[in-house]
Amino acid sequence: MFQRVLTLFRDKIRLRQYLVSIHADEEMKDDDLSIYDVESCILTGAITERQKSEMSGEWKYVIRGHSIDGDTVFVVVKTKSVGKILIITVFREVRK
């Protein structure tokens, strides 16, 4: 459904044209994830949801993919006007 956007995100990851928010960095540490896990999620995953920010009107996308060790990981990403993407937050799937 969002294949064009996902292709853009993957291209930006491969070219290292991304920024990581402070929040995403903190969440990565809390969930014992590395930037390689985030890259893997975007490169292996699919967009599961698109959300519109009420404040800015910008679209952000939830990607469900896999970490390097195969765990399910979610990454929330949006495009930036500077030609990069911004990784907003990251989290592991909650296991029951």
PDB file of N, CA and C in Angstrom:
ATOM      1  N   MET A   1       0.820  -1.199   0.000  1.00  0.00           N
ATOM      2  CA  MET A   1       0.000   0.000   0.000  1.00  0.00           C
ATOM      3  C   MET A   1       0.865   1.264   0.000  1.00  0.00           C
ATOM      4  N   PHE A   2       1.952   1.244   0.770  1.00  0.00           N
ATOM      5  CA  PHE A   2       2.849   2.403   0.849  1.00  0.00           C
ATOM      6  C   PHE A   2       4.223   2.047   0.281  1.00  0.00           C
ATOM      7  N   GLN A   3       4.241   1.282  -0.795  1.00  0.00           N
ATOM      8  CA  GLN A   3       5.502   0.770  -1.328  1.00  0.00           C
ATOM      9  C   GLN A   3       6.457   1.882  -1.750  1.00  0.00           C
ATOM     10  N   ARG A   4       5.949   2.945  -2.340  1.00  0.00           N
ATOM     11  CA  ARG A   4       6.807   4.049  -2.778  1.00  0.00           C
ATOM     12  C   ARG A   4       7.511   4.696  -1.580  1.00  0.00           C
ATOM     13  N   VAL A   5       6.773   4.898  -0.505  1.00  0.00           N
ATOM     14  CA  VAL A   5       7.334   5.498   0.706  1.00  0.00           C
ATOM     15  C   VAL A   5       8.361   4.550   1.337  1.00  0.00           C
ATOM     16  N   LEU A   6       8.033   3.274   1.396  1.00  0.00           N
ATOM     17  CA  LEU A   6       8.954   2.292   1.970  1.00  0.00           C
ATOM     18  C   LEU A   6      10.242   2.210   1.150  1.00  0.00           C
ATOM     19  N   THR A   7      10.126   2.270  -0.161  1.00  0.00           N
ATOM     20  CA  THR A   7      11.311   2.270  -1.019  1.00  0.00           C
ATOM     21  C   THR A   7      12.180   3.492  -0.733  1.00  0.00           C
ATOM     22  N   LEU A   8      11.557   4.641  -0.554  1.00  0.00           N
ATOM     23  CA  LEU A   8      12.296   5.867  -0.195  1.00  0.00           C
ATOM     24  C   LEU A   8      13.027   5.681   1.131  1.00  0.00           C
ATOM     25  N   PHE A   9      12.341   5.166   2.141  1.00  0.00           N
ATOM     26  CA  PHE A   9      12.952   4.945   3.448  1.00  0.00           C
ATOM     27  C   PHE A   9      14.147   3.997   3.337  1.00  0.00           C
ATOM     28  N   ARG A  10      13.981   2.913   2.583  1.00  0.00           N
ATOM     29  CA  ARG A  10      15.073   1.946   2.422  1.00  0.00           C
ATOM     30  C   ARG A  10      16.271   2.573   1.710  1.00  0.00           C
ATOM     31  N   ASP A  11      16.003   3.381   0.695  1.00  0.00           N
ATOM     32  CA  ASP A  11      17.089   4.071  -0.002  1.00  0.00           C
ATOM     33  C   ASP A  11      17.846   4.989   0.947  1.00  0.00           C
ATOM     34  N   LYS A  12      17.113   5.716   1.775  1.00  0.00           N
ATOM     35  CA  LYS A  12      17.741   6.638   2.732  1.00  0.00           C
ATOM     36  C   LYS A  12      18.568   5.879   3.768  1.00  0.00           C
ATOM     37  N   ILE A  13      18.104   4.719   4.190  1.00  0.00           N
ATOM     38  CA  ILE A  13      18.867   3.892   5.125  1.00  0.00           C
ATOM     39  C   ILE A  13      20.160   3.431   4.466  1.00  0.00           C
ATOM     40  N   ARG A  14      20.067   2.920   3.254  1.00  0.00           N
ATOM     41  CA  ARG A  14      21.259   2.430   2.545  1.00  0.00           C
ATOM     42  C   ARG A  14      22.286   3.534   2.318  1.00  0.00           C
ATOM     43  N   LEU A  15      21.815   4.759   2.110  1.00  0.00           N
ATOM     44  CA  LEU A  15      22.701   5.896   1.872  1.00  0.00           C
ATOM     45  C   LEU A  15      23.118   6.615   3.154  1.00  0.00           C
ATOM     46  N   ARG A  16      22.660   6.105   4.299  1.00  0.00           N
ATOM     47  CA  ARG A  16      22.924   6.710   5.612  1.00  0.00           C
ATOM     48  C   ARG A  16      22.418   8.146   5.695  1.00  0.00           C
ATOM     49  N   GLN A  17      21.282   8.397   5.049  1.00  0.00           N
ATOM     50  CA  GLN A  17      20.675   9.725   5.052  1.00  0.00           C
ATOM     51  C   GLN A  17      19.502   9.745   6.027  1.00  0.00           C
ATOM     52  N   TYR A  18      19.829   9.540   7.302  1.00  0.00           N
ATOM     53  CA  TYR A  18      18.788   9.547   8.320  1.00  0.00           C
ATOM     54  C   TYR A  18      19.302  10.186   9.597  1.00  0.00           C
ATOM     55  N   LEU A  19      18.355  10.640  10.384  1.00  0.00           N
ATOM     56  CA  LEU A  19      18.618  11.214  11.697  1.00  0.00           C
ATOM     57  C   LEU A  19      17.865  10.381  12.725  1.00  0.00           C
ATOM     58  N   VAL A  20      18.386  10.325  13.930  1.00  0.00           N
ATOM     59  CA  VAL A  20      17.731   9.592  15.014  1.00  0.00           C
ATOM     60  C   VAL A  20      17.387  10.603  16.102  1.00  0.00           C
ATOM     61  N   SER A  21      16.107  10.657  16.481  1.00  0.00           N
ATOM     62  CA  SER A  21      15.693  11.586  17.534  1.00  0.00           C
ATOM     63  C   SER A  21      16.272  11.144  18.879  1.00  0.00           C
ATOM     64  N   ILE A  22      16.336  12.075  19.800  1.00  0.00           N
ATOM     65  CA  ILE A  22      16.797  11.754  21.153  1.00  0.00           C
ATOM     66  C   ILE A  22      15.883  10.696  21.764  1.00  0.00           C
ATOM     67  N   HIS A  23      14.587  10.842  21.534  1.00  0.00           N
ATOM     68  CA  HIS A  23      13.632   9.868  22.059  1.00  0.00           C
ATOM     69  C   HIS A  23      13.908   8.469  21.508  1.00  0.00           C
ATOM     70  N   ALA A  24      14.133   8.365  20.198  1.00  0.00           N
ATOM     71  CA  ALA A  24      14.417   7.062  19.586  1.00  0.00           C
ATOM     72  C   ALA A  24      15.699   6.469  20.158  1.00  0.00           C
ATOM     73  N   ASP A  25      16.716   7.302  20.348  1.00  0.00           N
ATOM     74  CA  ASP A  25      17.976   6.831  20.913  1.00  0.00           C
ATOM     75  C   ASP A  25      17.759   6.279  22.322  1.00  0.00           C
ATOM     76  N   GLU A  26      16.974   6.966  23.125  1.00  0.00           N
ATOM     77  CA  GLU A  26      16.672   6.498  24.486  1.00  0.00           C
ATOM     78  C   GLU A  26      15.895   5.179  24.455  1.00  0.00           C
ATOM     79  N   GLU A  27      14.919   5.083  23.545  1.00  0.00           N
ATOM     80  CA  GLU A  27      14.120   3.860  23.433  1.00  0.00           C
ATOM     81  C   GLU A  27      14.971   2.683  22.953  1.00  0.00           C
ATOM     82  N   MET A  28      15.911   2.951  22.046  1.00  0.00           N
ATOM     83  CA  MET A  28      16.813   1.895  21.596  1.00  0.00           C
ATOM     84  C   MET A  28      17.604   1.345  22.777  1.00  0.00           C
ATOM     85  N   LYS A  29      18.109   2.218  23.613  1.00  0.00           N
ATOM     86  CA  LYS A  29      18.875   1.790  24.791  1.00  0.00           C
ATOM     87  C   LYS A  29      17.984   1.005  25.747  1.00  0.00           C
ATOM     88  N   ASP A  30      16.763   1.502  25.985  1.00  0.00           N
ATOM     89  CA  ASP A  30      15.837   0.827  26.903  1.00  0.00           C
ATOM     90  C   ASP A  30      15.472  -0.580  26.434  1.00  0.00           C
ATOM     91  N   ASP A  31      15.361  -0.767  25.110  1.00  0.00           N
ATOM     92  CA  ASP A  31      14.971  -2.067  24.558  1.00  0.00           C
ATOM     93  C   ASP A  31      16.160  -2.884  24.070  1.00  0.00           C
ATOM     94  N   ASP A  32      17.371  -2.435  24.417  1.00  0.00           N
ATOM     95  CA  ASP A  32      18.603  -3.133  24.033  1.00  0.00           C
ATOM     96  C   ASP A  32      18.672  -3.355  22.519  1.00  0.00           C
ATOM     97  N   LEU A  33      18.439  -2.277  21.773  1.00  0.00           N
ATOM     98  CA  LEU A  33      18.502  -2.313  20.311  1.00  0.00           C
ATOM     99  C   LEU A  33      19.633  -1.407  19.834  1.00  0.00           C
ATOM    100  N   SER A  34      20.211  -1.749  18.713  1.00  0.00           N
ATOM    101  CA  SER A  34      21.264  -0.932  18.116  1.00  0.00           C
ATOM    102  C   SER A  34      20.724  -0.264  16.851  1.00  0.00           C
ATOM    103  N   ILE A  35      21.514   0.625  16.300  1.00  0.00           N
ATOM    104  CA  ILE A  35      21.114   1.261  15.046  1.00  0.00           C
ATOM    105  C   ILE A  35      21.033   0.221  13.934  1.00  0.00           C
ATOM    106  N   TYR A  36      21.814  -0.853  14.046  1.00  0.00           N
ATOM    107  CA  TYR A  36      21.744  -1.926  13.044  1.00  0.00           C
ATOM    108  C   TYR A  36      20.401  -2.641  13.102  1.00  0.00           C
ATOM    109  N   ASP A  37      19.832  -2.754  14.303  1.00  0.00           N
ATOM    110  CA  ASP A  37      18.502  -3.343  14.446  1.00  0.00           C
ATOM    111  C   ASP A  37      17.454  -2.446  13.785  1.00  0.00           C
ATOM    112  N   VAL A  38      17.603  -1.142  13.955  1.00  0.00           N
ATOM    113  CA  VAL A  38      16.680  -0.185  13.345  1.00  0.00           C
ATOM    114  C   VAL A  38      16.787  -0.258  11.820  1.00  0.00           C
ATOM    115  N   GLU A  39      18.012  -0.268  11.318  1.00  0.00           N
ATOM    116  CA  GLU A  39      18.218  -0.386   9.870  1.00  0.00           C
ATOM    117  C   GLU A  39      17.611  -1.684   9.349  1.00  0.00           C
ATOM    118  N   SER A  40      17.839  -2.780  10.059  1.00  0.00           N
ATOM    119  CA  SER A  40      17.297  -4.077   9.656  1.00  0.00           C
ATOM    120  C   SER A  40      15.777  -4.057   9.607  1.00  0.00           C
ATOM    121  N   CYS A  41      15.160  -3.434  10.596  1.00  0.00           N
ATOM    122  CA  CYS A  41      13.699  -3.331  10.636  1.00  0.00           C
ATOM    123  C   CYS A  41      13.171  -2.635   9.387  1.00  0.00           C
ATOM    124  N   ILE A  42      13.775  -1.529   9.040  1.00  0.00           N
ATOM    125  CA  ILE A  42      13.306  -0.765   7.878  1.00  0.00           C
ATOM    126  C   ILE A  42      13.575  -1.535   6.587  1.00  0.00           C
ATOM    127  N   LEU A  43      14.722  -2.195   6.504  1.00  0.00           N
ATOM    128  CA  LEU A  43      15.075  -2.926   5.282  1.00  0.00           C
ATOM    129  C   LEU A  43      14.281  -4.217   5.100  1.00  0.00           C
ATOM    130  N   THR A  44      13.799  -4.814   6.200  1.00  0.00           N
ATOM    131  CA  THR A  44      13.073  -6.089   6.106  1.00  0.00           C
ATOM    132  C   THR A  44      11.578  -5.947   6.319  1.00  0.00           C
ATOM    133  N   GLY A  45      11.148  -4.786   6.773  1.00  0.00           N
ATOM    134  CA  GLY A  45       9.775  -4.647   7.244  1.00  0.00           C
ATOM    135  C   GLY A  45       8.786  -4.124   6.234  1.00  0.00           C
ATOM    136  N   ALA A  46       7.602  -3.862   6.748  1.00  0.00           N
ATOM    137  CA  ALA A  46       6.501  -3.321   5.961  1.00  0.00           C
ATOM    138  C   ALA A  46       5.832  -2.207   6.758  1.00  0.00           C
ATOM    139  N   ILE A  47       5.301  -1.242   6.060  1.00  0.00           N
ATOM    140  CA  ILE A  47       4.562  -0.169   6.719  1.00  0.00           C
ATOM    141  C   ILE A  47       3.206  -0.729   7.131  1.00  0.00           C
ATOM    142  N   THR A  48       2.914  -0.638   8.421  1.00  0.00           N
ATOM    143  CA  THR A  48       1.655  -1.169   8.936  1.00  0.00           C
ATOM    144  C   THR A  48       0.619  -0.084   9.195  1.00  0.00           C
ATOM    145  N   GLU A  49       1.104   1.154   9.280  1.00  0.00           N
ATOM    146  CA  GLU A  49       0.181   2.241   9.623  1.00  0.00           C
ATOM    147  C   GLU A  49       0.777   3.584   9.214  1.00  0.00           C
ATOM    148  N   ARG A  50      -0.104   4.495   8.827  1.00  0.00           N
ATOM    149  CA  ARG A  50       0.299   5.877   8.563  1.00  0.00           C
ATOM    150  C   ARG A  50      -0.511   6.754   9.513  1.00  0.00           C
ATOM    151  N   GLN A  51       0.176   7.683  10.192  1.00  0.00           N
ATOM    152  CA  GLN A  51      -0.475   8.552  11.162  1.00  0.00           C
ATOM    153  C   GLN A  51      -0.171   9.998  10.806  1.00  0.00           C
ATOM    154  N   LYS A  52      -1.144  10.858  11.022  1.00  0.00           N
ATOM    155  CA  LYS A  52      -0.952  12.279  10.748  1.00  0.00           C
ATOM    156  C   LYS A  52      -0.851  13.037  12.065  1.00  0.00           C
ATOM    157  N   SER A  53       0.203  13.828  12.187  1.00  0.00           N
ATOM    158  CA  SER A  53       0.395  14.635  13.388  1.00  0.00           C
ATOM    159  C   SER A  53      -0.642  15.744  13.424  1.00  0.00           C
ATOM    160  N   GLU A  54      -1.344  15.864  14.534  1.00  0.00           N
ATOM    161  CA  GLU A  54      -2.337  16.929  14.676  1.00  0.00           C
ATOM    162  C   GLU A  54      -1.681  18.299  14.730  1.00  0.00           C
ATOM    163  N   MET A  55      -0.487  18.360  15.294  1.00  0.00           N
ATOM    164  CA  MET A  55       0.190  19.643  15.453  1.00  0.00           C
ATOM    165  C   MET A  55       0.822  20.136  14.148  1.00  0.00           C
ATOM    166  N   SER A  56       1.579  19.271  13.482  1.00  0.00           N
ATOM    167  CA  SER A  56       2.329  19.716  12.297  1.00  0.00           C
ATOM    168  C   SER A  56       1.647  19.358  10.987  1.00  0.00           C
ATOM    169  N   GLY A  57       0.736  18.398  11.020  1.00  0.00           N
ATOM    170  CA  GLY A  57       0.097  17.934   9.792  1.00  0.00           C
ATOM    171  C   GLY A  57       0.975  17.000   8.978  1.00  0.00           C
ATOM    172  N   GLU A  58       2.155  16.639   9.506  1.00  0.00           N
ATOM    173  CA  GLU A  58       3.072  15.747   8.805  1.00  0.00           C
ATOM    174  C   GLU A  58       2.650  14.289   8.981  1.00  0.00           C
ATOM    175  N   TRP A  59       2.967  13.485   7.961  1.00  0.00           N
ATOM    176  CA  TRP A  59       2.708  12.061   8.042  1.00  0.00           C
ATOM    177  C   TRP A  59       3.895  11.357   8.662  1.00  0.00           C
ATOM    178  N   LYS A  60       3.599  10.362   9.501  1.00  0.00           N
ATOM    179  CA  LYS A  60       4.634   9.474  10.011  1.00  0.00           C
ATOM    180  C   LYS A  60       4.163   8.043   9.773  1.00  0.00           C
ATOM    181  N   TYR A  61       5.117   7.157   9.657  1.00  0.00           N
ATOM    182  CA  TYR A  61       4.828   5.786   9.244  1.00  0.00           C
ATOM    183  C   TYR A  61       5.382   4.798  10.259  1.00  0.00           C
ATOM    184  N   VAL A  62       4.572   3.797  10.591  1.00  0.00           N
ATOM    185  CA  VAL A  62       4.978   2.736  11.503  1.00  0.00           C
ATOM    186  C   VAL A  62       5.424   1.549  10.658  1.00  0.00           C
ATOM    187  N   ILE A  63       6.654   1.125  10.877  1.00  0.00           N
ATOM    188  CA  ILE A  63       7.212  -0.012  10.141  1.00  0.00           C
ATOM    189  C   ILE A  63       7.410  -1.162  11.109  1.00  0.00           C
ATOM    190  N   ARG A  64       6.906  -2.332  10.715  1.00  0.00           N
ATOM    191  CA  ARG A  64       7.093  -3.561  11.503  1.00  0.00           C
ATOM    192  C   ARG A  64       8.071  -4.438  10.740  1.00  0.00           C
ATOM    193  N   GLY A  65       9.191  -4.756  11.396  1.00  0.00           N
ATOM    194  CA  GLY A  65      10.210  -5.579  10.757  1.00  0.00           C
ATOM    195  C   GLY A  65      10.946  -6.393  11.796  1.00  0.00           C
ATOM    196  N   HIS A  66      12.168  -6.769  11.456  1.00  0.00           N
ATOM    197  CA  HIS A  66      12.934  -7.634  12.343  1.00  0.00           C
ATOM    198  C   HIS A  66      14.296  -7.031  12.676  1.00  0.00           C
ATOM    199  N   SER A  67      14.696  -7.261  13.918  1.00  0.00           N
ATOM    200  CA  SER A  67      16.029  -6.860  14.363  1.00  0.00           C
ATOM    201  C   SER A  67      17.044  -7.844  13.781  1.00  0.00           C
ATOM    202  N   ILE A  68      18.311  -7.584  14.026  1.00  0.00           N
ATOM    203  CA  ILE A  68      19.372  -8.467  13.555  1.00  0.00           C
ATOM    204  C   ILE A  68      19.189  -9.885  14.083  1.00  0.00           C
ATOM    205  N   ASP A  69      18.721 -10.017  15.324  1.00  0.00           N
ATOM    206  CA  ASP A  69      18.545 -11.356  15.910  1.00  0.00           C
ATOM    207  C   ASP A  69      17.170 -11.962  15.644  1.00  0.00           C
ATOM    208  N   GLY A  70      16.360 -11.294  14.807  1.00  0.00           N
ATOM    209  CA  GLY A  70      15.077 -11.868  14.394  1.00  0.00           C
ATOM    210  C   GLY A  70      13.878 -11.459  15.214  1.00  0.00           C
ATOM    211  N   ASP A  71      14.067 -10.655  16.260  1.00  0.00           N
ATOM    212  CA  ASP A  71      12.928 -10.193  17.049  1.00  0.00           C
ATOM    213  C   ASP A  71      12.095  -9.195  16.242  1.00  0.00           C
ATOM    214  N   THR A  72      10.813  -9.149  16.534  1.00  0.00           N
ATOM    215  CA  THR A  72       9.945  -8.175  15.882  1.00  0.00           C
ATOM    216  C   THR A  72      10.158  -6.805  16.513  1.00  0.00           C
ATOM    217  N   VAL A  73      10.387  -5.826  15.641  1.00  0.00           N
ATOM    218  CA  VAL A  73      10.682  -4.462  16.070  1.00  0.00           C
ATOM    219  C   VAL A  73       9.800  -3.507  15.281  1.00  0.00           C
ATOM    220  N   PHE A  74       9.413  -2.415  15.913  1.00  0.00           N
ATOM    221  CA  PHE A  74       8.655  -1.357  15.246  1.00  0.00           C
ATOM    222  C   PHE A  74       9.496  -0.094  15.232  1.00  0.00           C
ATOM    223  N   VAL A  75       9.470   0.608  14.107  1.00  0.00           N
ATOM    224  CA  VAL A  75      10.172   1.881  13.968  1.00  0.00           C
ATOM    225  C   VAL A  75       9.177   2.882  13.396  1.00  0.00           C
ATOM    226  N   VAL A  76       9.136   4.073  13.978  1.00  0.00           N
ATOM    227  CA  VAL A  76       8.272   5.140  13.478  1.00  0.00           C
ATOM    228  C   VAL A  76       9.176   6.162  12.795  1.00  0.00           C
ATOM    229  N   VAL A  77       8.857   6.467  11.524  1.00  0.00           N
ATOM    230  CA  VAL A  77       9.723   7.280  10.669  1.00  0.00           C
ATOM    231  C   VAL A  77       8.900   8.347   9.956  1.00  0.00           C
ATOM    232  N   LYS A  78       9.548   9.487   9.681  1.00  0.00           N
ATOM    233  CA  LYS A  78       8.935  10.491   8.817  1.00  0.00           C
ATOM    234  C   LYS A  78      10.009  11.118   7.949  1.00  0.00           C
ATOM    235  N   THR A  79       9.596  11.756   6.886  1.00  0.00           N
ATOM    236  CA  THR A  79      10.546  12.429   6.008  1.00  0.00           C
ATOM    237  C   THR A  79      10.831  13.820   6.555  1.00  0.00           C
ATOM    238  N   LYS A  80      12.003  14.324   6.244  1.00  0.00           N
ATOM    239  CA  LYS A  80      12.408  15.660   6.645  1.00  0.00           C
ATOM    240  C   LYS A  80      12.662  16.487   5.392  1.00  0.00           C
ATOM    241  N   SER A  81      12.511  17.780   5.516  1.00  0.00           N
ATOM    242  CA  SER A  81      12.682  18.671   4.374  1.00  0.00           C
ATOM    243  C   SER A  81      14.139  18.775   3.923  1.00  0.00           C
ATOM    244  N   VAL A  82      15.062  18.284   4.727  1.00  0.00           N
ATOM    245  CA  VAL A  82      16.481  18.374   4.382  1.00  0.00           C
ATOM    246  C   VAL A  82      16.956  17.183   3.549  1.00  0.00           C
ATOM    247  N   GLY A  83      16.019  16.378   3.045  1.00  0.00           N
ATOM    248  CA  GLY A  83      16.379  15.235   2.219  1.00  0.00           C
ATOM    249  C   GLY A  83      16.761  13.998   3.005  1.00  0.00           C
ATOM    250  N   LYS A  84      16.440  13.994   4.280  1.00  0.00           N
ATOM    251  CA  LYS A  84      16.729  12.845   5.129  1.00  0.00           C
ATOM    252  C   LYS A  84      15.423  12.338   5.732  1.00  0.00           C
ATOM    253  N   ILE A  85      15.511  11.203   6.396  1.00  0.00           N
ATOM    254  CA  ILE A  85      14.366  10.716   7.158  1.00  0.00           C
ATOM    255  C   ILE A  85      14.715  10.824   8.639  1.00  0.00           C
ATOM    256  N   LEU A  86      13.690  10.922   9.460  1.00  0.00           N
ATOM    257  CA  LEU A  86      13.862  11.011  10.903  1.00  0.00           C
ATOM    258  C   LEU A  86      13.255   9.782  11.552  1.00  0.00           C
ATOM    259  N   ILE A  87      14.060   9.101  12.340  1.00  0.00           N
ATOM    260  CA  ILE A  87      13.575   7.971  13.133  1.00  0.00           C
ATOM    261  C   ILE A  87      13.068   8.564  14.437  1.00  0.00           C
ATOM    262  N   ILE A  88      11.755   8.496  14.611  1.00  0.00           N
ATOM    263  CA  ILE A  88      11.092   9.154  15.742  1.00  0.00           C
ATOM    264  C   ILE A  88      11.160   8.307  17.006  1.00  0.00           C
ATOM    265  N   THR A  89      10.824   7.027  16.861  1.00  0.00           N
ATOM    266  CA  THR A  89      10.873   6.118  18.006  1.00  0.00           C
ATOM    267  C   THR A  89      11.051   4.694  17.505  1.00  0.00           C
ATOM    268  N   VAL A  90      11.416   3.821  18.448  1.00  0.00           N
ATOM    269  CA  VAL A  90      11.722   2.425  18.167  1.00  0.00           C
ATOM    270  C   VAL A  90      11.244   1.609  19.358  1.00  0.00           C
ATOM    271  N   PHE A  91      10.682   0.420  19.098  1.00  0.00           N
ATOM    272  CA  PHE A  91      10.334  -0.450  20.224  1.00  0.00           C
ATOM    273  C   PHE A  91      10.201  -1.890  19.763  1.00  0.00           C
ATOM    274  N   ARG A  92      10.468  -2.793  20.688  1.00  0.00           N
ATOM    275  CA  ARG A  92      10.287  -4.236  20.442  1.00  0.00           C
ATOM    276  C   ARG A  92       8.825  -4.591  20.607  1.00  0.00           C
ATOM    277  N   GLU A  93       8.414  -5.638  19.920  1.00  0.00           N
ATOM    278  CA  GLU A  93       7.064  -6.153  20.100  1.00  0.00           C
ATOM    279  C   GLU A  93       6.950  -6.726  21.517  1.00  0.00           C
ATOM    280  N   VAL A  94       5.856  -6.401  22.179  1.00  0.00           N
ATOM    281  CA  VAL A  94       5.626  -6.907  23.532  1.00  0.00           C
ATOM    282  C   VAL A  94       5.224  -8.364  23.442  1.00  0.00           C
ATOM    283  N   ARG A  95       5.955  -9.193  24.154  1.00  0.00           N
ATOM    284  CA  ARG A  95       5.655 -10.639  24.172  1.00  0.00           C
ATOM    285  C   ARG A  95       4.796 -10.949  25.372  1.00  0.00           C
ATOM    286  N   LYS A  96       3.832 -11.828  25.149  1.00  0.00           N
ATOM    287  CA  LYS A  96       2.924 -12.218  26.246  1.00  0.00           C
ATOM    288  C   LYS A  96       3.315 -13.546  26.818  1.00  0.00           C
TER     289      LYS A  96
END
